[in-house]
C-alpha atoms as a PDB file:
ATOM      1  CA  MET A   1     -12.757  20.716 -27.931  1.00  0.00           C
ATOM      2  CA  GLY A   2     -11.913  17.401 -26.569  1.00  0.00           C
ATOM      3  CA  CYS A   3     -14.353  15.589 -24.938  1.00  0.00           C
ATOM      4  CA  ILE A   4     -16.549  18.083 -23.591  1.00  0.00           C
ATOM      5  CA  GLN A   5     -19.691  18.936 -25.863  1.00  0.00           C
ATOM      6  CA  THR A   6     -20.117  22.602 -26.634  1.00  0.00           C
ATOM      7  CA  THR A   7     -23.619  22.672 -26.650  1.00  0.00           C
ATOM      8  CA  LYS A   8     -24.541  21.205 -22.776  1.00  0.00           C
ATOM      9  CA  THR A   9     -23.819  23.626 -20.276  1.00  0.00           C
ATOM     10  CA  LYS A  10     -23.714  20.650 -17.215  1.00  0.00           C
ATOM     11  CA  PRO A  11     -20.551  20.106 -16.545  1.00  0.00           C
ATOM     12  CA  GLU A  12     -21.630  16.126 -16.104  1.00  0.00           C
ATOM     13  CA  GLU A  13     -22.694  16.337 -19.364  1.00  0.00           C
ATOM     14  CA  THR A  14     -19.412  15.731 -20.582  1.00  0.00           C
ATOM     15  CA  CYS A  15     -18.492  12.523 -22.402  1.00  0.00           C
ATOM     16  CA  SER A  16     -17.670   9.287 -20.908  1.00  0.00           C
ATOM     17  CA  ALA A  17     -14.611   7.688 -21.825  1.00  0.00           C
ATOM     18  CA  ASP A  18     -12.576   5.970 -19.768  1.00  0.00           C
ATOM     19  CA  ILE A  19      -8.734   7.770 -19.659  1.00  0.00           C
ATOM     20  CA  SER A  20      -8.061   6.078 -16.555  1.00  0.00           C
ATOM     21  CA  HIS A  21      -5.690   4.104 -18.596  1.00  0.00           C
ATOM     22  CA  LEU A  22      -3.731   7.208 -19.342  1.00  0.00           C
ATOM     23  CA  TRP A  23      -2.317   7.904 -15.853  1.00  0.00           C
ATOM     24  CA  ILE A  24       0.419   6.793 -14.288  1.00  0.00           C
ATOM     25  CA  THR A  25      -0.172   5.032 -10.708  1.00  0.00           C
ATOM     26  CA  VAL A  26       1.033   5.401  -7.496  1.00  0.00           C
ATOM     27  CA  ARG A  27       3.367   2.664  -7.608  1.00  0.00           C
ATOM     28  CA  GLN A  28       4.600   3.647 -11.348  1.00  0.00           C
ATOM     29  CA  ARG A  29       4.832   7.044  -9.612  1.00  0.00           C
ATOM     30  CA  GLU A  30       6.759   5.719  -6.528  1.00  0.00           C
ATOM     31  CA  LEU A  31       9.061   3.687  -9.192  1.00  0.00           C
ATOM     32  CA  ILE A  32       9.880   6.597 -11.087  1.00  0.00           C
ATOM     33  CA  ARG A  33      10.984   8.402  -8.364  1.00  0.00           C
ATOM     34  CA  THR A  34      13.236   5.955  -6.956  1.00  0.00           C
ATOM     35  CA  THR A  35      14.783   5.178  -9.691  1.00  0.00           C
ATOM     36  CA  TRP A  36      15.045   8.219 -11.597  1.00  0.00           C
ATOM     37  CA  PRO A  37      18.137   9.288  -9.191  1.00  0.00           C
ATOM     38  CA  ARG A  38      20.000   6.780 -10.455  1.00  0.00           C
ATOM     39  CA  VAL A  39      19.420   7.702 -13.776  1.00  0.00           C
ATOM     40  CA  VAL A  40      21.045  11.069 -13.558  1.00  0.00           C
ATOM     41  CA  SER A  41      23.804  11.688 -11.026  1.00  0.00           C
ATOM     42  CA  CYS A  42      25.352  14.493  -9.762  1.00  0.00           C
ATOM     43  CA  ASP A  43      27.444  14.729 -12.986  1.00  0.00           C
ATOM     44  CA  ALA A  44      24.564  13.668 -15.107  1.00  0.00           C
ATOM     45  CA  ASP A  45      24.283  13.972 -18.879  1.00  0.00           C
ATOM     46  CA  PHE A  46      20.736  15.018 -19.818  1.00  0.00           C
ATOM     47  CA  GLU A  47      21.377  14.971 -23.653  1.00  0.00           C
ATOM     48  CA  GLN A  48      23.114  11.933 -23.392  1.00  0.00           C
ATOM     49  CA  ILE A  49      19.875  10.302 -20.915  1.00  0.00           C
ATOM     50  CA  GLY A  50      17.511  11.401 -23.558  1.00  0.00           C
ATOM     51  CA  VAL A  51      19.590  10.088 -26.422  1.00  0.00           C
ATOM     52  CA  GLU A  52      19.324   6.547 -25.367  1.00  0.00           C
ATOM     53  CA  VAL A  53      15.452   7.300 -24.492  1.00  0.00           C
ATOM     54  CA  PHE A  54      14.857   8.251 -27.926  1.00  0.00           C
ATOM     55  CA  LEU A  55      16.976   5.640 -29.748  1.00  0.00           C
ATOM     56  CA  ARG A  56      15.048   3.074 -27.650  1.00  0.00           C
ATOM     57  CA  ILE A  57      11.959   3.970 -29.025  1.00  0.00           C
ATOM     58  CA  PHE A  58      12.902   4.637 -32.763  1.00  0.00           C
ATOM     59  CA  SER A  59      14.728   1.202 -32.579  1.00  0.00           C
ATOM     60  CA  ARG A  60      11.332  -0.098 -31.566  1.00  0.00           C
ATOM     61  CA  HIS A  61       9.239   2.066 -33.726  1.00  0.00           C
ATOM     62  CA  PRO A  62      10.735   3.190 -36.310  1.00  0.00           C
ATOM     63  CA  GLU A  63       7.715   4.730 -38.025  1.00  0.00           C
ATOM     64  CA  LEU A  64       7.945   7.246 -35.084  1.00  0.00           C
ATOM     65  CA  ILE A  65      11.286   9.182 -36.666  1.00  0.00           C
ATOM     66  CA  SER A  66       8.977  10.791 -39.467  1.00  0.00           C
ATOM     67  CA  LEU A  67       7.613  12.851 -37.145  1.00  0.00           C
ATOM     68  CA  PHE A  68      10.808  14.318 -36.241  1.00  0.00           C
ATOM     69  CA  PRO A  69      12.353  17.294 -37.970  1.00  0.00           C
ATOM     70  CA  PHE A  70      15.355  15.260 -38.355  1.00  0.00           C
ATOM     71  CA  ARG A  71      13.169  12.526 -40.261  1.00  0.00           C
ATOM     72  CA  ASP A  72      15.147  14.041 -43.486  1.00  0.00           C
ATOM     73  CA  VAL A  73      18.546  11.529 -42.423  1.00  0.00           C
ATOM     74  CA  ALA A  74      16.375   8.473 -42.345  1.00  0.00           C
ATOM     75  CA  HIS A  75      17.838   5.738 -44.456  1.00  0.00           C
ATOM     76  CA  LEU A  76      14.553   3.564 -44.329  1.00  0.00           C
ATOM     77  CA  ASP A  77      13.373   3.880 -48.030  1.00  0.00           C
ATOM     78  CA  LYS A  78      17.195   2.179 -49.506  1.00  0.00           C
ATOM     79  CA  GLU A  79      16.486  -0.790 -51.384  1.00  0.00           C
ATOM     80  CA  SER A  80      20.311  -1.376 -51.444  1.00  0.00           C
ATOM     81  CA  GLN A  81      20.232  -2.645 -47.673  1.00  0.00           C
ATOM     82  CA  THR A  82      18.540  -4.618 -45.304  1.00  0.00           C
ATOM     83  CA  THR A  83      15.773  -3.853 -42.778  1.00  0.00           C
ATOM     84  CA  ALA A  84      18.124  -4.037 -39.994  1.00  0.00           C
ATOM     85  CA  GLU A  85      21.000  -2.380 -41.859  1.00  0.00           C
ATOM     86  CA  ARG A  86      19.039   0.650 -42.599  1.00  0.00           C
ATOM     87  CA  LEU A  87      17.812   1.075 -39.269  1.00  0.00           C
ATOM     88  CA  THR A  88      20.883   0.854 -38.277  1.00  0.00           C
ATOM     89  CA  ALA A  89      22.145   3.598 -40.707  1.00  0.00           C
ATOM     90  CA  THR A  90      18.952   6.148 -39.945  1.00  0.00           C
ATOM     91  CA  LEU A  91      19.758   5.316 -35.796  1.00  0.00           C
ATOM     92  CA  GLU A  92      23.461   7.002 -36.844  1.00  0.00           C
ATOM     93  CA  ALA A  93      22.525   9.321 -38.876  1.00  0.00           C
ATOM     94  CA  VAL A  94      19.489  10.713 -36.381  1.00  0.00           C
ATOM     95  CA  LYS A  95      21.780  10.045 -33.186  1.00  0.00           C
ATOM     96  CA  GLN A  96      24.430  12.485 -34.819  1.00  0.00           C
ATOM     97  CA  HIS A  97      21.812  14.991 -35.534  1.00  0.00           C
ATOM     98  CA  PRO A  98      21.991  18.649 -33.643  1.00  0.00           C
ATOM     99  CA  THR A  99      18.389  19.099 -33.835  1.00  0.00           C
ATOM    100  CA  PHE A 100      17.671  15.525 -32.003  1.00  0.00           C
ATOM    101  CA  ARG A 101      20.309  16.138 -29.341  1.00  0.00           C
ATOM    102  CA  ASN A 102      18.757  19.441 -28.575  1.00  0.00           C
ATOM    103  CA  HIS A 103      15.569  17.559 -28.409  1.00  0.00           C
ATOM    104  CA  ALA A 104      16.492  14.655 -26.614  1.00  0.00           C
ATOM    105  CA  ALA A 105      18.254  16.981 -23.998  1.00  0.00           C
ATOM    106  CA  ALA A 106      15.193  19.186 -23.575  1.00  0.00           C
ATOM    107  CA  PHE A 107      13.012  15.982 -23.305  1.00  0.00           C
ATOM    108  CA  ALA A 108      14.884  14.317 -20.611  1.00  0.00           C
ATOM    109  CA  SER A 109      15.673  17.815 -18.677  1.00  0.00           C
ATOM    110  CA  ALA A 110      11.831  18.149 -18.730  1.00  0.00           C
ATOM    111  CA  ILE A 111      11.590  14.976 -16.964  1.00  0.00           C
ATOM    112  CA  GLY A 112      13.953  15.130 -14.446  1.00  0.00           C
ATOM    113  CA  MET A 113      12.371  18.702 -13.244  1.00  0.00           C
ATOM    114  CA  ALA A 114       9.248  16.763 -13.271  1.00  0.00           C
ATOM    115  CA  VAL A 115      10.511  13.965 -11.164  1.00  0.00           C
ATOM    116  CA  GLU A 116      12.338  16.151  -8.899  1.00  0.00           C
ATOM    117  CA  ASP A 117       8.733  18.531  -8.719  1.00  0.00           C
ATOM    118  CA  TRP A 118       7.631  15.098  -7.416  1.00  0.00           C
ATOM    119  CA  VAL A 119      10.230  14.235  -4.543  1.00  0.00           C
ATOM    120  CA  ARG A 120      10.584  17.793  -3.877  1.00  0.00           C
ATOM    121  CA  PRO A 121       6.780  19.518  -4.271  1.00  0.00           C
ATOM    122  CA  GLY A 122       7.192  23.505  -4.859  1.00  0.00           C
ATOM    123  CA  ARG A 123      11.202  23.534  -6.288  1.00  0.00           C
ATOM    124  CA  PHE A 124      10.271  24.739  -9.355  1.00  0.00           C
ATOM    125  CA  GLU A 125       7.706  28.104  -9.697  1.00  0.00           C
ATOM    126  CA  VAL A 126       5.448  28.036 -12.605  1.00  0.00           C
ATOM    127  CA  ARG A 127       6.463  31.766 -14.338  1.00  0.00           C
ATOM    128  CA  VAL A 128       3.196  32.978 -16.338  1.00  0.00           C
END
């Protein structure tokens, strides 16, 4: 599976694909660590934060909506509207969808826990 070829036995004989671009840099990590507290205040609404993040993503890449279970509300194929009108209607419908709102809240909460763990390592324990 993945990049490691199962027919080879030595660990150094794995694929040589450069995946360094997939990791965040120290500077990016510091930016996240210092700006996340501004995003979430003591009365943080993780649902609203997640909704805003996903709506920005979907407004730039509406084709991604089809990857989610709330895709049934999409208005992207209605011919009676302009593309911008269809996207606006779709984003409004997605925004109200309970599955979307739950997913957005869970996403933002997970990001918050990850950032919090960067700030205070070991705060969250892993349960197996």
